[in-house]
PDB file of N, CA and C in Angstrom:
ATOM      1  N   MET A   1      90.908  97.669 120.405  1.00  0.00           N
ATOM      2  CA  MET A   1      89.927  98.672 120.710  1.00  0.00           C
ATOM      3  C   MET A   1      90.258  99.938 119.932  1.00  0.00           C
ATOM      4  N   ARG A   2      89.256 100.623 119.523  1.00  0.00           N
ATOM      5  CA  ARG A   2      89.407 101.910 118.839  1.00  0.00           C
ATOM      6  C   ARG A   2      89.196 103.049 119.822  1.00  0.00           C
ATOM      7  N   ASP A   3      89.804 104.168 119.521  1.00  0.00           N
ATOM      8  CA  ASP A   3      89.578 105.387 120.293  1.00  0.00           C
ATOM      9  C   ASP A   3      88.843 106.355 119.374  1.00  0.00           C
ATOM     10  N   ASP A   4      87.580 106.605 119.645  1.00  0.00           N
ATOM     11  CA  ASP A   4      86.756 107.455 118.779  1.00  0.00           C
ATOM     12  C   ASP A   4      87.226 108.911 118.739  1.00  0.00           C
ATOM     13  N   ASN A   5      88.121 109.302 119.640  1.00  0.00           N
ATOM     14  CA  ASN A   5      88.663 110.656 119.642  1.00  0.00           C
ATOM     15  C   ASN A   5      90.012 110.752 118.925  1.00  0.00           C
ATOM     16  N   CYS A   6      90.490 109.636 118.371  1.00  0.00           N
ATOM     17  CA  CYS A   6      91.811 109.591 117.743  1.00  0.00           C
ATOM     18  C   CYS A   6      91.686 109.754 116.228  1.00  0.00           C
ATOM     19  N   ILE A   7      92.344 110.764 115.667  1.00  0.00           N
ATOM     20  CA  ILE A   7      92.298 111.020 114.232  1.00  0.00           C
ATOM     21  C   ILE A   7      92.874 109.849 113.442  1.00  0.00           C
ATOM     22  N   PHE A   8      93.942 109.204 113.958  1.00  0.00           N
ATOM     23  CA  PHE A   8      94.527 108.075 113.235  1.00  0.00           C
ATOM     24  C   PHE A   8      93.608 106.858 113.251  1.00  0.00           C
ATOM     25  N   CYS A   9      92.860 106.639 114.328  1.00  0.00           N
ATOM     26  CA  CYS A   9      91.868 105.552 114.342  1.00  0.00           C
ATOM     27  C   CYS A   9      90.812 105.796 113.266  1.00  0.00           C
ATOM     28  N   LYS A  10      90.391 107.049 113.137  1.00  0.00           N
ATOM     29  CA  LYS A  10      89.388 107.401 112.135  1.00  0.00           C
ATOM     30  C   LYS A  10      89.939 107.209 110.726  1.00  0.00           C
ATOM     31  N   LEU A  11      91.192 107.602 110.488  1.00  0.00           N
ATOM     32  CA  LEU A  11      91.814 107.420 109.173  1.00  0.00           C
ATOM     33  C   LEU A  11      92.000 105.928 108.866  1.00  0.00           C
ATOM     34  N   ALA A  12      92.504 105.173 109.828  1.00  0.00           N
ATOM     35  CA  ALA A  12      92.787 103.751 109.619  1.00  0.00           C
ATOM     36  C   ALA A  12      91.539 102.940 109.330  1.00  0.00           C
ATOM     37  N   ASN A  13      90.426 103.340 109.910  1.00  0.00           N
ATOM     38  CA  ASN A  13      89.189 102.569 109.782  1.00  0.00           C
ATOM     39  C   ASN A  13      88.217 103.123 108.749  1.00  0.00           C
ATOM     40  N   GLY A  14      88.659 104.108 107.965  1.00  0.00           N
ATOM     41  CA  GLY A  14      87.844 104.605 106.862  1.00  0.00           C
ATOM     42  C   GLY A  14      86.765 105.600 107.229  1.00  0.00           C
ATOM     43  N   ASP A  15      86.797 106.104 108.453  1.00  0.00           N
ATOM     44  CA  ASP A  15      85.807 107.115 108.849  1.00  0.00           C
ATOM     45  C   ASP A  15      86.073 108.454 108.164  1.00  0.00           C
ATOM     46  N   ILE A  16      87.340 108.672 107.803  1.00  0.00           N
ATOM     47  CA  ILE A  16      87.763 109.863 107.067  1.00  0.00           C
ATOM     48  C   ILE A  16      88.404 109.368 105.775  1.00  0.00           C
ATOM     49  N   PRO A  17      88.032 109.920 104.626  1.00  0.00           N
ATOM     50  CA  PRO A  17      88.608 109.461 103.353  1.00  0.00           C
ATOM     51  C   PRO A  17      90.128 109.653 103.305  1.00  0.00           C
ATOM     52  N   THR A  18      90.822 108.663 102.721  1.00  0.00           N
ATOM     53  CA  THR A  18      92.285 108.699 102.585  1.00  0.00           C
ATOM     54  C   THR A  18      92.682 108.168 101.218  1.00  0.00           C
ATOM     55  N   ASN A  19      93.949 108.309 100.907  1.00  0.00           N
ATOM     56  CA  ASN A  19      94.545 107.656  99.740  1.00  0.00           C
ATOM     57  C   ASN A  19      95.242 106.401 100.242  1.00  0.00           C
ATOM     58  N   SER A  20      94.488 105.308 100.339  1.00  0.00           N
ATOM     59  CA  SER A  20      95.005 104.056 100.860  1.00  0.00           C
ATOM     60  C   SER A  20      95.801 103.331  99.780  1.00  0.00           C
ATOM     61  N   ILE A  21      96.989 102.818 100.169  1.00  0.00           N
ATOM     62  CA  ILE A  21      97.794 102.056  99.211  1.00  0.00           C
ATOM     63  C   ILE A  21      97.873 100.580  99.580  1.00  0.00           C
ATOM     64  N   TYR A  22      97.430 100.219 100.790  1.00  0.00           N
ATOM     65  CA  TYR A  22      97.323  98.819 101.216  1.00  0.00           C
ATOM     66  C   TYR A  22      96.387  98.775 102.407  1.00  0.00           C
ATOM     67  N   GLU A  23      95.570  97.721 102.460  1.00  0.00           N
ATOM     68  CA  GLU A  23      94.678  97.560 103.608  1.00  0.00           C
ATOM     69  C   GLU A  23      94.370  96.089 103.807  1.00  0.00           C
ATOM     70  N   ASP A  24      94.344  95.671 105.071  1.00  0.00           N
ATOM     71  CA  ASP A  24      93.825  94.360 105.447  1.00  0.00           C
ATOM     72  C   ASP A  24      93.040  94.541 106.740  1.00  0.00           C
ATOM     73  N   GLU A  25      92.700  93.458 107.421  1.00  0.00           N
ATOM     74  CA  GLU A  25      91.849  93.614 108.605  1.00  0.00           C
ATOM     75  C   GLU A  25      92.575  94.244 109.786  1.00  0.00           C
ATOM     76  N   ASP A  26      93.910  94.290 109.763  1.00  0.00           N
ATOM     77  CA  ASP A  26      94.671  94.811 110.887  1.00  0.00           C
ATOM     78  C   ASP A  26      95.295  96.184 110.656  1.00  0.00           C
ATOM     79  N   PHE A  27      95.632  96.502 109.405  1.00  0.00           N
ATOM     80  CA  PHE A  27      96.354  97.730 109.086  1.00  0.00           C
ATOM     81  C   PHE A  27      95.760  98.427 107.877  1.00  0.00           C
ATOM     82  N   ASN A  28      95.988  99.733 107.816  1.00  0.00           N
ATOM     83  CA  ASN A  28      95.714 100.520 106.618  1.00  0.00           C
ATOM     84  C   ASN A  28      96.969 101.363 106.379  1.00  0.00           C
ATOM     85  N   VAL A  29      97.517 101.276 105.187  1.00  0.00           N
ATOM     86  CA  VAL A  29      98.682 102.083 104.816  1.00  0.00           C
ATOM     87  C   VAL A  29      98.174 103.178 103.895  1.00  0.00           C
ATOM     88  N   ILE A  30      98.390 104.415 104.301  1.00  0.00           N
ATOM     89  CA  ILE A  30      97.844 105.553 103.554  1.00  0.00           C
ATOM     90  C   ILE A  30      98.956 106.530 103.190  1.00  0.00           C
ATOM     91  N   LEU A  31      98.744 107.266 102.111  1.00  0.00           N
ATOM     92  CA  LEU A  31      99.657 108.351 101.777  1.00  0.00           C
ATOM     93  C   LEU A  31      99.373 109.517 102.716  1.00  0.00           C
ATOM     94  N   ASP A  32     100.431 110.131 103.231  1.00  0.00           N
ATOM     95  CA  ASP A  32     100.293 111.255 104.148  1.00  0.00           C
ATOM     96  C   ASP A  32      99.627 112.433 103.435  1.00  0.00           C
ATOM     97  N   ALA A  33      98.671 113.074 104.086  1.00  0.00           N
ATOM     98  CA  ALA A  33      97.953 114.204 103.491  1.00  0.00           C
ATOM     99  C   ALA A  33      98.841 115.438 103.344  1.00  0.00           C
ATOM    100  N   SER A  34      99.872 115.553 104.178  1.00  0.00           N
ATOM    101  CA  SER A  34     100.836 116.655 104.101  1.00  0.00           C
ATOM    102  C   SER A  34     102.241 116.049 104.074  1.00  0.00           C
ATOM    103  N   PRO A  35     102.605 115.419 102.966  1.00  0.00           N
ATOM    104  CA  PRO A  35     103.850 114.642 102.934  1.00  0.00           C
ATOM    105  C   PRO A  35     105.111 115.483 103.104  1.00  0.00           C
ATOM    106  N   ALA A  36     106.051 114.942 103.863  1.00  0.00           N
ATOM    107  CA  ALA A  36     107.360 115.578 104.017  1.00  0.00           C
ATOM    108  C   ALA A  36     108.197 115.351 102.767  1.00  0.00           C
ATOM    109  N   THR A  37     107.956 114.221 102.094  1.00  0.00           N
ATOM    110  CA  THR A  37     108.639 113.877 100.845  1.00  0.00           C
ATOM    111  C   THR A  37     107.658 113.113  99.961  1.00  0.00           C
ATOM    112  N   LYS A  38     107.982 112.979  98.688  1.00  0.00           N
ATOM    113  CA  LYS A  38     107.149 112.205  97.770  1.00  0.00           C
ATOM    114  C   LYS A  38     107.077 110.754  98.260  1.00  0.00           C
ATOM    115  N   GLY A  39     105.886 110.212  98.293  1.00  0.00           N
ATOM    116  CA  GLY A  39     105.705 108.831  98.717  1.00  0.00           C
ATOM    117  C   GLY A  39     105.598 108.619 100.211  1.00  0.00           C
ATOM    118  N   HIS A  40     105.566 109.706 100.990  1.00  0.00           N
ATOM    119  CA  HIS A  40     105.455 109.622 102.453  1.00  0.00           C
ATOM    120  C   HIS A  40     104.156 108.892 102.811  1.00  0.00           C
ATOM    121  N   ALA A  41     104.277 107.768 103.489  1.00  0.00           N
ATOM    122  CA  ALA A  41     103.112 106.958 103.842  1.00  0.00           C
ATOM    123  C   ALA A  41     103.084 106.679 105.343  1.00  0.00           C
ATOM    124  N   LEU A  42     101.902 106.399 105.845  1.00  0.00           N
ATOM    125  CA  LEU A  42     101.702 106.040 107.255  1.00  0.00           C
ATOM    126  C   LEU A  42     101.169 104.618 107.326  1.00  0.00           C
ATOM    127  N   ILE A  43     101.765 103.789 108.165  1.00  0.00           N
ATOM    128  CA  ILE A  43     101.270 102.438 108.429  1.00  0.00           C
ATOM    129  C   ILE A  43     100.477 102.533 109.721  1.00  0.00           C
ATOM    130  N   LEU A  44      99.162 102.437 109.608  1.00  0.00           N
ATOM    131  CA  LEU A  44      98.286 102.648 110.763  1.00  0.00           C
ATOM    132  C   LEU A  44      97.607 101.354 111.192  1.00  0.00           C
ATOM    133  N   PRO A  45      97.823 100.915 112.428  1.00  0.00           N
ATOM    134  CA  PRO A  45      97.026  99.788 112.920  1.00  0.00           C
ATOM    135  C   PRO A  45      95.578 100.247 113.100  1.00  0.00           C
ATOM    136  N   LYS A  46      94.644  99.363 112.846  1.00  0.00           N
ATOM    137  CA  LYS A  46      93.230  99.723 112.987  1.00  0.00           C
ATOM    138  C   LYS A  46      92.790  99.782 114.442  1.00  0.00           C
ATOM    139  N   GLN A  47      93.518  99.098 115.311  1.00  0.00           N
ATOM    140  CA  GLN A  47      93.269  99.203 116.742  1.00  0.00           C
ATOM    141  C   GLN A  47      94.115 100.351 117.288  1.00  0.00           C
ATOM    142  N   HIS A  48      93.681 100.943 118.386  1.00  0.00           N
ATOM    143  CA  HIS A  48      94.388 102.088 118.957  1.00  0.00           C
ATOM    144  C   HIS A  48      95.538 101.631 119.852  1.00  0.00           C
ATOM    145  N   TYR A  49      96.732 102.123 119.556  1.00  0.00           N
ATOM    146  CA  TYR A  49      97.905 101.940 120.409  1.00  0.00           C
ATOM    147  C   TYR A  49      98.542 103.314 120.572  1.00  0.00           C
ATOM    148  N   ALA A  50      98.832 103.723 121.788  1.00  0.00           N
ATOM    149  CA  ALA A  50      99.435 105.031 122.028  1.00  0.00           C
ATOM    150  C   ALA A  50     100.888 105.076 121.570  1.00  0.00           C
ATOM    151  N   ASN A  51     101.556 103.924 121.612  1.00  0.00           N
ATOM    152  CA  ASN A  51     102.957 103.863 121.196  1.00  0.00           C
ATOM    153  C   ASN A  51     103.320 102.430 120.824  1.00  0.00           C
ATOM    154  N   MET A  52     104.524 102.240 120.322  1.00  0.00           N
ATOM    155  CA  MET A  52     104.974 100.932 119.868  1.00  0.00           C
ATOM    156  C   MET A  52     104.996  99.903 121.003  1.00  0.00           C
ATOM    157  N   PHE A  53     105.250 100.341 122.219  1.00  0.00           N
ATOM    158  CA  PHE A  53     105.353  99.413 123.341  1.00  0.00           C
ATOM    159  C   PHE A  53     104.013  98.770 123.702  1.00  0.00           C
ATOM    160  N   GLU A  54     102.903  99.402 123.317  1.00  0.00           N
ATOM    161  CA  GLU A  54     101.584  98.820 123.559  1.00  0.00           C
ATOM    162  C   GLU A  54     101.229  97.748 122.521  1.00  0.00           C
ATOM    163  N   MET A  55     101.991  97.697 121.440  1.00  0.00           N
ATOM    164  CA  MET A  55     101.716  96.740 120.366  1.00  0.00           C
ATOM    165  C   MET A  55     102.400  95.414 120.675  1.00  0.00           C
ATOM    166  N   MET A  56     101.968  94.749 121.727  1.00  0.00           N
ATOM    167  CA  MET A  56     102.632  93.527 122.178  1.00  0.00           C
ATOM    168  C   MET A  56     102.524  92.385 121.169  1.00  0.00           C
ATOM    169  N   LYS A  57     101.635  92.502 120.196  1.00  0.00           N
ATOM    170  CA  LYS A  57     101.461  91.451 119.201  1.00  0.00           C
ATOM    171  C   LYS A  57     102.524  91.517 118.111  1.00  0.00           C
ATOM    172  N   TYR A  58     103.333  92.563 118.102  1.00  0.00           N
ATOM    173  CA  TYR A  58     104.279  92.782 117.012  1.00  0.00           C
ATOM    174  C   TYR A  58     105.677  93.027 117.519  1.00  0.00           C
ATOM    175  N   ASN A  59     106.634  92.641 116.714  1.00  0.00           N
ATOM    176  CA  ASN A  59     108.027  92.999 116.937  1.00  0.00           C
ATOM    177  C   ASN A  59     108.433  93.917 115.802  1.00  0.00           C
ATOM    178  N   VAL A  60     109.034  95.035 116.125  1.00  0.00           N
ATOM    179  CA  VAL A  60     109.559  95.937 115.109  1.00  0.00           C
ATOM    180  C   VAL A  60     111.070  95.803 115.173  1.00  0.00           C
ATOM    181  N   LEU A  61     111.681  95.485 114.033  1.00  0.00           N
ATOM    182  CA  LEU A  61     113.096  95.183 113.993  1.00  0.00           C
ATOM    183  C   LEU A  61     113.791  96.032 112.948  1.00  0.00           C
ATOM    184  N   GLN A  62     114.923  96.594 113.313  1.00  0.00           N
ATOM    185  CA  GLN A  62     115.732  97.354 112.364  1.00  0.00           C
ATOM    186  C   GLN A  62     117.187  97.098 112.725  1.00  0.00           C
ATOM    187  N   ASN A  63     117.937  96.469 111.814  1.00  0.00           N
ATOM    188  CA  ASN A  63     119.341  96.156 112.037  1.00  0.00           C
ATOM    189  C   ASN A  63     120.223  97.220 111.388  1.00  0.00           C
ATOM    190  N   ASN A  64     121.282  97.623 112.084  1.00  0.00           N
ATOM    191  CA  ASN A  64     122.223  98.619 111.562  1.00  0.00           C
ATOM    192  C   ASN A  64     123.608  98.006 111.449  1.00  0.00           C
ATOM    193  N   GLY A  65     124.003  97.706 110.228  1.00  0.00           N
ATOM    194  CA  GLY A  65     125.349  97.188 109.970  1.00  0.00           C
ATOM    195  C   GLY A  65     125.452  95.684 110.045  1.00  0.00           C
ATOM    196  N   GLU A  66     126.538  95.184 109.481  1.00  0.00           N
ATOM    197  CA  GLU A  66     126.774  93.737 109.414  1.00  0.00           C
ATOM    198  C   GLU A  66     126.811  93.089 110.791  1.00  0.00           C
ATOM    199  N   VAL A  67     127.429  93.764 111.764  1.00  0.00           N
ATOM    200  CA  VAL A  67     127.536  93.219 113.107  1.00  0.00           C
ATOM    201  C   VAL A  67     126.160  92.990 113.747  1.00  0.00           C
ATOM    202  N   ALA A  68     125.150  93.761 113.308  1.00  0.00           N
ATOM    203  CA  ALA A  68     123.791  93.623 113.845  1.00  0.00           C
ATOM    204  C   ALA A  68     122.936  92.663 113.020  1.00  0.00           C
ATOM    205  N   GLY A  69     123.511  92.091 111.967  1.00  0.00           N
ATOM    206  CA  GLY A  69     122.765  91.137 111.162  1.00  0.00           C
ATOM    207  C   GLY A  69     122.160  91.722 109.901  1.00  0.00           C
ATOM    208  N   GLN A  70     122.474  92.967 109.582  1.00  0.00           N
ATOM    209  CA  GLN A  70     121.947  93.561 108.351  1.00  0.00           C
ATOM    210  C   GLN A  70     122.616  92.879 107.163  1.00  0.00           C
ATOM    211  N   THR A  71     121.800  92.384 106.214  1.00  0.00           N
ATOM    212  CA  THR A  71     122.338  91.703 105.035  1.00  0.00           C
ATOM    213  C   THR A  71     122.061  92.464 103.746  1.00  0.00           C
ATOM    214  N   VAL A  72     121.052  93.316 103.748  1.00  0.00           N
ATOM    215  CA  VAL A  72     120.757  94.174 102.604  1.00  0.00           C
ATOM    216  C   VAL A  72     121.018  95.596 103.074  1.00  0.00           C
ATOM    217  N   PHE A  73     121.996  96.245 102.463  1.00  0.00           N
ATOM    218  CA  PHE A  73     122.442  97.545 102.963  1.00  0.00           C
ATOM    219  C   PHE A  73     121.685  98.684 102.296  1.00  0.00           C
ATOM    220  N   HIS A  74     120.386  98.657 102.549  1.00  0.00           N
ATOM    221  CA  HIS A  74     119.444  99.716 102.186  1.00  0.00           C
ATOM    222  C   HIS A  74     118.510  99.797 103.386  1.00  0.00           C
ATOM    223  N   PHE A  75     118.382 100.959 104.000  1.00  0.00           N
ATOM    224  CA  PHE A  75     117.575 101.073 105.221  1.00  0.00           C
ATOM    225  C   PHE A  75     116.191 100.473 105.030  1.00  0.00           C
ATOM    226  N   HIS A  76     115.787  99.635 105.967  1.00  0.00           N
ATOM    227  CA  HIS A  76     114.448  99.059 105.976  1.00  0.00           C
ATOM    228  C   HIS A  76     114.130  98.602 107.398  1.00  0.00           C
ATOM    229  N   MET A  77     112.859  98.414 107.667  1.00  0.00           N
ATOM    230  CA  MET A  77     112.401  97.920 108.964  1.00  0.00           C
ATOM    231  C   MET A  77     111.522  96.711 108.735  1.00  0.00           C
ATOM    232  N   HIS A  78     111.471  95.847 109.704  1.00  0.00           N
ATOM    233  CA  HIS A  78     110.625  94.664 109.661  1.00  0.00           C
ATOM    234  C   HIS A  78     109.518  94.823 110.699  1.00  0.00           C
ATOM    235  N   LEU A  79     108.303  94.458 110.326  1.00  0.00           N
ATOM    236  CA  LEU A  79     107.188  94.397 111.255  1.00  0.00           C
ATOM    237  C   LEU A  79     106.766  92.941 111.282  1.00  0.00           C
ATOM    238  N   LYS A  80     106.952  92.297 112.427  1.00  0.00           N
ATOM    239  CA  LYS A  80     106.702  90.863 112.521  1.00  0.00           C
ATOM    240  C   LYS A  80     105.585  90.582 113.516  1.00  0.00           C
ATOM    241  N   SER A  81     104.657  89.743 113.104  1.00  0.00           N
ATOM    242  CA  SER A  81     103.611  89.290 114.006  1.00  0.00           C
ATOM    243  C   SER A  81     104.195  88.249 114.941  1.00  0.00           C
ATOM    244  N   THR A  82     103.670  88.174 116.135  1.00  0.00           N
ATOM    245  CA  THR A  82     104.115  87.140 117.067  1.00  0.00           C
ATOM    246  C   THR A  82     103.351  85.851 116.825  1.00  0.00           C
ATOM    247  N   GLY A  83     102.527  85.825 115.791  1.00  0.00           N
ATOM    248  CA  GLY A  83     101.759  84.633 115.472  1.00  0.00           C
ATOM    249  C   GLY A  83     100.342  84.697 115.988  1.00  0.00           C
ATOM    250  N   ILE A  84     100.029  85.719 116.781  1.00  0.00           N
ATOM    251  CA  ILE A  84      98.682  85.855 117.312  1.00  0.00           C
ATOM    252  C   ILE A  84      97.729  86.248 116.190  1.00  0.00           C
ATOM    253  N   ILE A  85      98.181  87.130 115.320  1.00  0.00           N
ATOM    254  CA  ILE A  85      97.378  87.500 114.153  1.00  0.00           C
ATOM    255  C   ILE A  85      98.265  87.494 112.928  1.00  0.00           C
ATOM    256  N   LYS A  86      97.672  87.419 111.764  1.00  0.00           N
ATOM    257  CA  LYS A  86      98.432  87.426 110.513  1.00  0.00           C
ATOM    258  C   LYS A  86      98.619  88.865 110.055  1.00  0.00           C
ATOM    259  N   VAL A  87      99.805  89.163 109.509  1.00  0.00           N
ATOM    260  CA  VAL A  87     100.127  90.510 109.045  1.00  0.00           C
ATOM    261  C   VAL A  87     100.580  90.426 107.598  1.00  0.00           C
ATOM    262  N   PHE A  88     100.097  91.343 106.750  1.00  0.00           N
ATOM    263  CA  PHE A  88     100.534  91.468 105.353  1.00  0.00           C
ATOM    264  C   PHE A  88     100.609  90.119 104.652  1.00  0.00           C
ATOM    265  N   ARG A  89      99.483  89.482 104.489  1.00  0.00           N
ATOM    266  CA  ARG A  89      99.433  88.180 103.853  1.00  0.00           C
ATOM    267  C   ARG A  89      99.934  88.238 102.444  1.00  0.00           C
TER     268      ARG A  89
END
């Protein structure tokens, strides 16, 4: 569901023009209009979620150190679908 009063819903769904760098039916990745650093981007779901805990269809994973299973020692995060929908084909 979308929230018509949410600025991010409007940005994600193209109601407000953006500099999109990736888009599919579930997400729009846009360059931040007021970037904190060069390349600052926002990964916006097209459906409205108030926080990560409402996104039950996804697992967000970030491992810190070898003991946690990190194998590439450059900070990164994983966004994984639970199989209900396809993400980043």
